[in-house]
Amino acid sequence: MLDRFAIAAPGPLVNGVGVYMRPPFMSDWSAWAQLRAESREFLKPWEPTWPDDALSQGAFRRRLRHHAREAREASAYAFLIFRRADNLLLGGVTLSNVRRGVTQSCSVGYWLGKPFTRRGHMTDALGAIVRHVFDDLALHRLEAACLPANEPSQQVLRSVGFAREGYARQYLCIDGAWRDHLLFGILASDPPPR
């Protein structure tokens, strides 16, 4: 019997130039776990501490249930990034803390498997996500945070139009420690990047 909660809520296909993004499904587990395992040491300094069972099928199923609930509540949306040419899994993007009412904003987090860095994939993906946030979700503001030492991430954010807005002390718990972060934002009314 199909576990209806193990499949993410249907969601949009977000298209970039060389990549596309869609919600994760249970059938993605093997490729996702393999890419995350291969990239573990590369990702470790930039992410929260992984639980012991982080890459297990059960943990992935729980993750999908969580994503599906958040999508139904319109509070967050998870996507996997695929290369358009061959449908290869490259990484992921999450829109979280979706706020309506007077704020009209959300936050973006992202990761890319180590073999696919420095090839423009994340710039392509984030550019498409920015358009999705403003055109499809009709939000006013998109926020991002990154560690001060993560210059490649800062370059990607600037290249798609984000502006550095501040410095937040002990903003997120990364790799087991509360870490300072640089804050970035982009508005629907900002001119598109060159």
C-alpha atoms as a PDB file:
ATOM      1  CA  MET A   1       0.000   0.000   0.000  1.00  0.00           C
ATOM      2  CA  LEU A   2       1.270   3.476  -0.892  1.00  0.00           C
ATOM      3  CA  ASP A   3       2.099   5.577   2.135  1.00  0.00           C
ATOM      4  CA  ARG A   4       0.317   8.820   1.257  1.00  0.00           C
ATOM      5  CA  PHE A   5       2.337  10.735   3.832  1.00  0.00           C
ATOM      6  CA  ALA A   6       5.642   9.561   2.373  1.00  0.00           C
ATOM      7  CA  ILE A   7       5.048  11.584  -0.772  1.00  0.00           C
ATOM      8  CA  ALA A   8       5.552  15.327  -0.648  1.00  0.00           C
ATOM      9  CA  ALA A   9       2.591  17.566  -1.325  1.00  0.00           C
ATOM     10  CA  PRO A  10       2.267  18.322  -5.027  1.00  0.00           C
ATOM     11  CA  GLY A  11       4.070  21.496  -5.807  1.00  0.00           C
ATOM     12  CA  PRO A  12       5.231  23.647  -8.612  1.00  0.00           C
ATOM     13  CA  LEU A  13       7.985  22.960 -11.053  1.00  0.00           C
ATOM     14  CA  VAL A  14      10.408  25.895 -10.888  1.00  0.00           C
ATOM     15  CA  ASN A  15      12.459  26.309 -14.052  1.00  0.00           C
ATOM     16  CA  GLY A  16      15.885  27.820 -14.406  1.00  0.00           C
ATOM     17  CA  VAL A  17      17.978  27.908 -17.556  1.00  0.00           C
ATOM     18  CA  GLY A  18      19.991  24.732 -17.034  1.00  0.00           C
ATOM     19  CA  VAL A  19      18.239  23.425 -13.930  1.00  0.00           C
ATOM     20  CA  TYR A  20      14.742  22.779 -12.690  1.00  0.00           C
ATOM     21  CA  MET A  21      13.398  22.306  -9.180  1.00  0.00           C
ATOM     22  CA  ARG A  22      10.523  20.251  -7.836  1.00  0.00           C
ATOM     23  CA  PRO A  23       9.402  18.943  -4.442  1.00  0.00           C
ATOM     24  CA  PRO A  24      11.165  15.770  -3.280  1.00  0.00           C
ATOM     25  CA  PHE A  25       9.452  12.380  -3.494  1.00  0.00           C
ATOM     26  CA  MET A  26      10.215   9.077  -1.832  1.00  0.00           C
ATOM     27  CA  SER A  27      11.678   7.799  -5.099  1.00  0.00           C
ATOM     28  CA  ASP A  28      14.432  10.444  -4.718  1.00  0.00           C
ATOM     29  CA  TRP A  29      15.780   8.920  -1.513  1.00  0.00           C
ATOM     30  CA  SER A  30      18.582   6.809  -2.999  1.00  0.00           C
ATOM     31  CA  ALA A  31      20.070   9.571  -5.184  1.00  0.00           C
ATOM     32  CA  TRP A  32      19.607  12.139  -2.392  1.00  0.00           C
ATOM     33  CA  ALA A  33      21.277   9.939   0.238  1.00  0.00           C
ATOM     34  CA  GLN A  34      24.171   9.098  -2.079  1.00  0.00           C
ATOM     35  CA  LEU A  35      24.825  12.747  -2.992  1.00  0.00           C
ATOM     36  CA  ARG A  36      24.578  13.878   0.628  1.00  0.00           C
ATOM     37  CA  ALA A  37      26.905  11.055   1.745  1.00  0.00           C
ATOM     38  CA  GLU A  38      29.480  11.905  -0.949  1.00  0.00           C
ATOM     39  CA  SER A  39      29.301  15.586   0.030  1.00  0.00           C
ATOM     40  CA  ARG A  40      29.122  15.173   3.814  1.00  0.00           C
ATOM     41  CA  GLU A  41      32.540  16.633   4.695  1.00  0.00           C
ATOM     42  CA  PHE A  42      32.045  19.442   2.196  1.00  0.00           C
ATOM     43  CA  LEU A  43      28.607  20.359   3.626  1.00  0.00           C
ATOM     44  CA  LYS A  44      29.401  19.840   7.320  1.00  0.00           C
ATOM     45  CA  PRO A  45      30.874  23.309   8.040  1.00  0.00           C
ATOM     46  CA  TRP A  46      27.799  25.067   6.596  1.00  0.00           C
ATOM     47  CA  GLU A  47      24.889  23.032   7.980  1.00  0.00           C
ATOM     48  CA  PRO A  48      23.272  22.055  11.287  1.00  0.00           C
ATOM     49  CA  THR A  49      24.627  18.861  12.858  1.00  0.00           C
ATOM     50  CA  TRP A  50      23.296  15.778  11.098  1.00  0.00           C
ATOM     51  CA  PRO A  51      21.494  13.212  13.281  1.00  0.00           C
ATOM     52  CA  ASP A  52      22.943   9.681  13.280  1.00  0.00           C
ATOM     53  CA  ASP A  53      20.229   8.415  10.919  1.00  0.00           C
ATOM     54  CA  ALA A  54      20.248  11.495   8.648  1.00  0.00           C
ATOM     55  CA  LEU A  55      20.609   9.535   5.412  1.00  0.00           C
ATOM     56  CA  SER A  56      18.309   6.614   6.241  1.00  0.00           C
ATOM     57  CA  GLN A  57      15.160   5.873   4.304  1.00  0.00           C
ATOM     58  CA  GLY A  58      13.089   6.374   7.466  1.00  0.00           C
ATOM     59  CA  ALA A  59      14.599   9.802   8.097  1.00  0.00           C
ATOM     60  CA  PHE A  60      13.904  10.783   4.485  1.00  0.00           C
ATOM     61  CA  ARG A  61      10.280   9.626   4.850  1.00  0.00           C
ATOM     62  CA  ARG A  62       9.931  11.773   8.013  1.00  0.00           C
ATOM     63  CA  ARG A  63      11.493  14.703   6.159  1.00  0.00           C
ATOM     64  CA  LEU A  64       8.935  14.342   3.353  1.00  0.00           C
ATOM     65  CA  ARG A  65       6.051  14.237   5.832  1.00  0.00           C
ATOM     66  CA  HIS A  66       7.382  17.418   7.425  1.00  0.00           C
ATOM     67  CA  HIS A  67       7.760  19.106   4.011  1.00  0.00           C
ATOM     68  CA  ALA A  68       4.255  18.030   2.979  1.00  0.00           C
ATOM     69  CA  ARG A  69       2.724  19.444   6.173  1.00  0.00           C
ATOM     70  CA  GLU A  70       4.558  22.758   5.740  1.00  0.00           C
ATOM     71  CA  ALA A  71       3.507  22.995   2.077  1.00  0.00           C
ATOM     72  CA  ARG A  72      -0.151  22.365   3.009  1.00  0.00           C
ATOM     73  CA  GLU A  73       0.136  25.087   5.655  1.00  0.00           C
ATOM     74  CA  ALA A  74       1.873  27.383   3.117  1.00  0.00           C
ATOM     75  CA  SER A  75       4.654  28.003   5.651  1.00  0.00           C
ATOM     76  CA  ALA A  76       7.589  26.422   3.766  1.00  0.00           C
ATOM     77  CA  TYR A  77       8.419  24.761   0.449  1.00  0.00           C
ATOM     78  CA  ALA A  78      11.216  22.272  -0.224  1.00  0.00           C
ATOM     79  CA  PHE A  79      12.697  21.626  -3.655  1.00  0.00           C
ATOM     80  CA  LEU A  80      15.369  19.393  -5.103  1.00  0.00           C
ATOM     81  CA  ILE A  81      17.543  20.822  -7.879  1.00  0.00           C
ATOM     82  CA  PHE A  82      18.039  18.766 -11.041  1.00  0.00           C
ATOM     83  CA  ARG A  83      20.226  19.378 -14.065  1.00  0.00           C
ATOM     84  CA  ARG A  84      17.923  19.814 -17.047  1.00  0.00           C
ATOM     85  CA  ALA A  85      20.205  18.016 -19.526  1.00  0.00           C
ATOM     86  CA  ASP A  86      20.095  14.626 -17.771  1.00  0.00           C
ATOM     87  CA  ASN A  87      17.766  14.959 -14.716  1.00  0.00           C
ATOM     88  CA  LEU A  88      20.730  14.464 -12.363  1.00  0.00           C
ATOM     89  CA  LEU A  89      20.154  15.519  -8.741  1.00  0.00           C
ATOM     90  CA  LEU A  90      22.438  18.455  -7.859  1.00  0.00           C
ATOM     91  CA  GLY A  91      21.202  19.749  -4.488  1.00  0.00           C
ATOM     92  CA  GLY A  92      18.276  21.394  -2.776  1.00  0.00           C
ATOM     93  CA  VAL A  93      16.564  24.679  -1.939  1.00  0.00           C
ATOM     94  CA  THR A  94      14.101  25.384   0.867  1.00  0.00           C
ATOM     95  CA  LEU A  95      11.847  28.390   1.240  1.00  0.00           C
ATOM     96  CA  SER A  96      10.991  28.652   4.934  1.00  0.00           C
ATOM     97  CA  ASN A  97       9.395  31.046   7.408  1.00  0.00           C
ATOM     98  CA  VAL A  98       6.821  32.134   4.833  1.00  0.00           C
ATOM     99  CA  ARG A  99       5.018  35.076   6.383  1.00  0.00           C
ATOM    100  CA  ARG A 100       1.918  36.725   4.972  1.00  0.00           C
ATOM    101  CA  GLY A 101       0.004  39.698   6.273  1.00  0.00           C
ATOM    102  CA  VAL A 102       2.029  42.808   6.798  1.00  0.00           C
ATOM    103  CA  THR A 103       5.424  41.113   6.257  1.00  0.00           C
ATOM    104  CA  GLN A 104       5.013  39.188   2.960  1.00  0.00           C
ATOM    105  CA  SER A 105       8.420  37.501   3.112  1.00  0.00           C
ATOM    106  CA  CYS A 106      10.303  34.230   3.430  1.00  0.00           C
ATOM    107  CA  SER A 107      13.831  32.874   3.877  1.00  0.00           C
ATOM    108  CA  VAL A 108      15.846  30.731   1.509  1.00  0.00           C
ATOM    109  CA  GLY A 109      18.371  28.033   2.368  1.00  0.00           C
ATOM    110  CA  TYR A 110      20.251  25.903  -0.128  1.00  0.00           C
ATOM    111  CA  TRP A 111      22.894  23.238  -0.620  1.00  0.00           C
ATOM    112  CA  LEU A 112      24.730  21.785  -3.583  1.00  0.00           C
ATOM    113  CA  GLY A 113      26.547  18.470  -3.801  1.00  0.00           C
ATOM    114  CA  LYS A 114      30.329  18.873  -3.874  1.00  0.00           C
ATOM    115  CA  PRO A 115      30.779  17.533  -7.441  1.00  0.00           C
ATOM    116  CA  PHE A 116      28.525  20.304  -8.797  1.00  0.00           C
ATOM    117  CA  THR A 117      29.938  23.438  -7.165  1.00  0.00           C
ATOM    118  CA  ARG A 118      31.439  26.375  -9.054  1.00  0.00           C
ATOM    119  CA  ARG A 119      29.565  25.572 -12.267  1.00  0.00           C
ATOM    120  CA  GLY A 120      26.763  28.149 -12.060  1.00  0.00           C
ATOM    121  CA  HIS A 121      24.066  25.664 -11.004  1.00  0.00           C
ATOM    122  CA  MET A 122      23.208  27.414  -7.739  1.00  0.00           C
ATOM    123  CA  THR A 123      23.188  30.838  -9.380  1.00  0.00           C
ATOM    124  CA  ASP A 124      20.732  29.460 -11.949  1.00  0.00           C
ATOM    125  CA  ALA A 125      18.608  27.801  -9.244  1.00  0.00           C
ATOM    126  CA  LEU A 126      18.470  30.837  -6.945  1.00  0.00           C
ATOM    127  CA  GLY A 127      17.643  33.144  -9.846  1.00  0.00           C
ATOM    128  CA  ALA A 128      14.649  30.928 -10.636  1.00  0.00           C
ATOM    129  CA  ILE A 129      13.652  30.749  -6.964  1.00  0.00           C
ATOM    130  CA  VAL A 130      13.730  34.559  -6.686  1.00  0.00           C
ATOM    131  CA  ARG A 131      11.325  34.790  -9.646  1.00  0.00           C
ATOM    132  CA  HIS A 132       9.113  32.078  -8.097  1.00  0.00           C
ATOM    133  CA  VAL A 133       8.940  33.910  -4.752  1.00  0.00           C
ATOM    134  CA  PHE A 134       7.957  37.216  -6.328  1.00  0.00           C
ATOM    135  CA  ASP A 135       5.895  36.099  -9.345  1.00  0.00           C
ATOM    136  CA  ASP A 136       4.185  32.918  -8.122  1.00  0.00           C
ATOM    137  CA  LEU A 137       4.061  33.272  -4.328  1.00  0.00           C
ATOM    138  CA  ALA A 138       3.507  37.052  -4.626  1.00  0.00           C
ATOM    139  CA  LEU A 139       5.788  37.837  -1.697  1.00  0.00           C
ATOM    140  CA  HIS A 140       7.549  41.169  -1.210  1.00  0.00           C
ATOM    141  CA  ARG A 141      10.880  40.117   0.308  1.00  0.00           C
ATOM    142  CA  LEU A 142      13.264  37.164   0.264  1.00  0.00           C
ATOM    143  CA  GLU A 143      15.949  36.770   2.931  1.00  0.00           C
ATOM    144  CA  ALA A 144      19.108  34.667   3.194  1.00  0.00           C
ATOM    145  CA  ALA A 145      21.908  34.207   5.719  1.00  0.00           C
ATOM    146  CA  CYS A 146      25.382  32.792   5.324  1.00  0.00           C
ATOM    147  CA  LEU A 147      28.502  32.390   7.385  1.00  0.00           C
ATOM    148  CA  PRO A 148      31.009  35.232   6.995  1.00  0.00           C
ATOM    149  CA  ALA A 149      33.661  32.775   5.775  1.00  0.00           C
ATOM    150  CA  ASN A 150      31.417  31.418   3.016  1.00  0.00           C
ATOM    151  CA  GLU A 151      32.497  33.770   0.242  1.00  0.00           C
ATOM    152  CA  PRO A 152      31.196  31.536  -2.580  1.00  0.00           C
ATOM    153  CA  SER A 153      27.678  31.689  -1.095  1.00  0.00           C
ATOM    154  CA  GLN A 154      27.934  35.461  -0.742  1.00  0.00           C
ATOM    155  CA  GLN A 155      28.961  35.715  -4.405  1.00  0.00           C
ATOM    156  CA  VAL A 156      25.973  33.629  -5.503  1.00  0.00           C
ATOM    157  CA  LEU A 157      23.571  35.770  -3.476  1.00  0.00           C
ATOM    158  CA  ARG A 158      25.012  39.020  -4.868  1.00  0.00           C
ATOM    159  CA  SER A 159      24.940  37.658  -8.431  1.00  0.00           C
ATOM    160  CA  VAL A 160      21.158  37.122  -8.291  1.00  0.00           C
ATOM    161  CA  GLY A 161      20.460  40.540  -6.776  1.00  0.00           C
ATOM    162  CA  PHE A 162      20.620  40.105  -2.993  1.00  0.00           C
ATOM    163  CA  ALA A 163      22.093  42.974  -0.985  1.00  0.00           C
ATOM    164  CA  ARG A 164      23.997  42.516   2.250  1.00  0.00           C
ATOM    165  CA  GLU A 165      21.883  44.003   5.019  1.00  0.00           C
ATOM    166  CA  GLY A 166      23.544  43.242   8.289  1.00  0.00           C
ATOM    167  CA  TYR A 167      25.308  40.984  10.716  1.00  0.00           C
ATOM    168  CA  ALA A 168      23.469  38.709  13.147  1.00  0.00           C
ATOM    169  CA  ARG A 169      25.323  37.373  16.167  1.00  0.00           C
ATOM    170  CA  GLN A 170      24.861  33.653  16.916  1.00  0.00           C
ATOM    171  CA  TYR A 171      22.064  33.558  14.339  1.00  0.00           C
ATOM    172  CA  LEU A 172      21.988  29.812  13.529  1.00  0.00           C
ATOM    173  CA  CYS A 173      23.381  26.654  15.114  1.00  0.00           C
ATOM    174  CA  ILE A 174      25.781  25.312  12.485  1.00  0.00           C
ATOM    175  CA  ASP A 175      27.862  22.161  12.924  1.00  0.00           C
ATOM    176  CA  GLY A 176      26.972  22.099  16.627  1.00  0.00           C
ATOM    177  CA  ALA A 177      27.803  25.732  17.485  1.00  0.00           C
ATOM    178  CA  TRP A 178      25.893  29.008  17.434  1.00  0.00           C
ATOM    179  CA  ARG A 179      27.470  30.997  14.625  1.00  0.00           C
ATOM    180  CA  ASP A 180      27.356  34.605  13.482  1.00  0.00           C
ATOM    181  CA  HIS A 181      25.848  35.139  10.011  1.00  0.00           C
ATOM    182  CA  LEU A 182      25.732  37.799   7.329  1.00  0.00           C
ATOM    183  CA  LEU A 183      22.163  38.709   6.399  1.00  0.00           C
ATOM    184  CA  PHE A 184      21.071  39.344   2.815  1.00  0.00           C
ATOM    185  CA  GLY A 185      17.774  40.430   1.298  1.00  0.00           C
ATOM    186  CA  ILE A 186      16.130  41.091  -2.044  1.00  0.00           C
ATOM    187  CA  LEU A 187      12.838  42.878  -2.713  1.00  0.00           C
ATOM    188  CA  ALA A 188      10.279  42.346  -5.437  1.00  0.00           C
ATOM    189  CA  SER A 189      10.853  45.968  -6.410  1.00  0.00           C
ATOM    190  CA  ASP A 190      14.651  45.649  -6.736  1.00  0.00           C
ATOM    191  CA  PRO A 191      16.005  45.961 -10.244  1.00  0.00           C
ATOM    192  CA  PRO A 192      16.961  42.594 -11.750  1.00  0.00           C
ATOM    193  CA  PRO A 193      20.680  41.766 -11.677  1.00  0.00           C
ATOM    194  CA  ARG A 194      22.685  42.446 -14.818  1.00  0.00           C
END
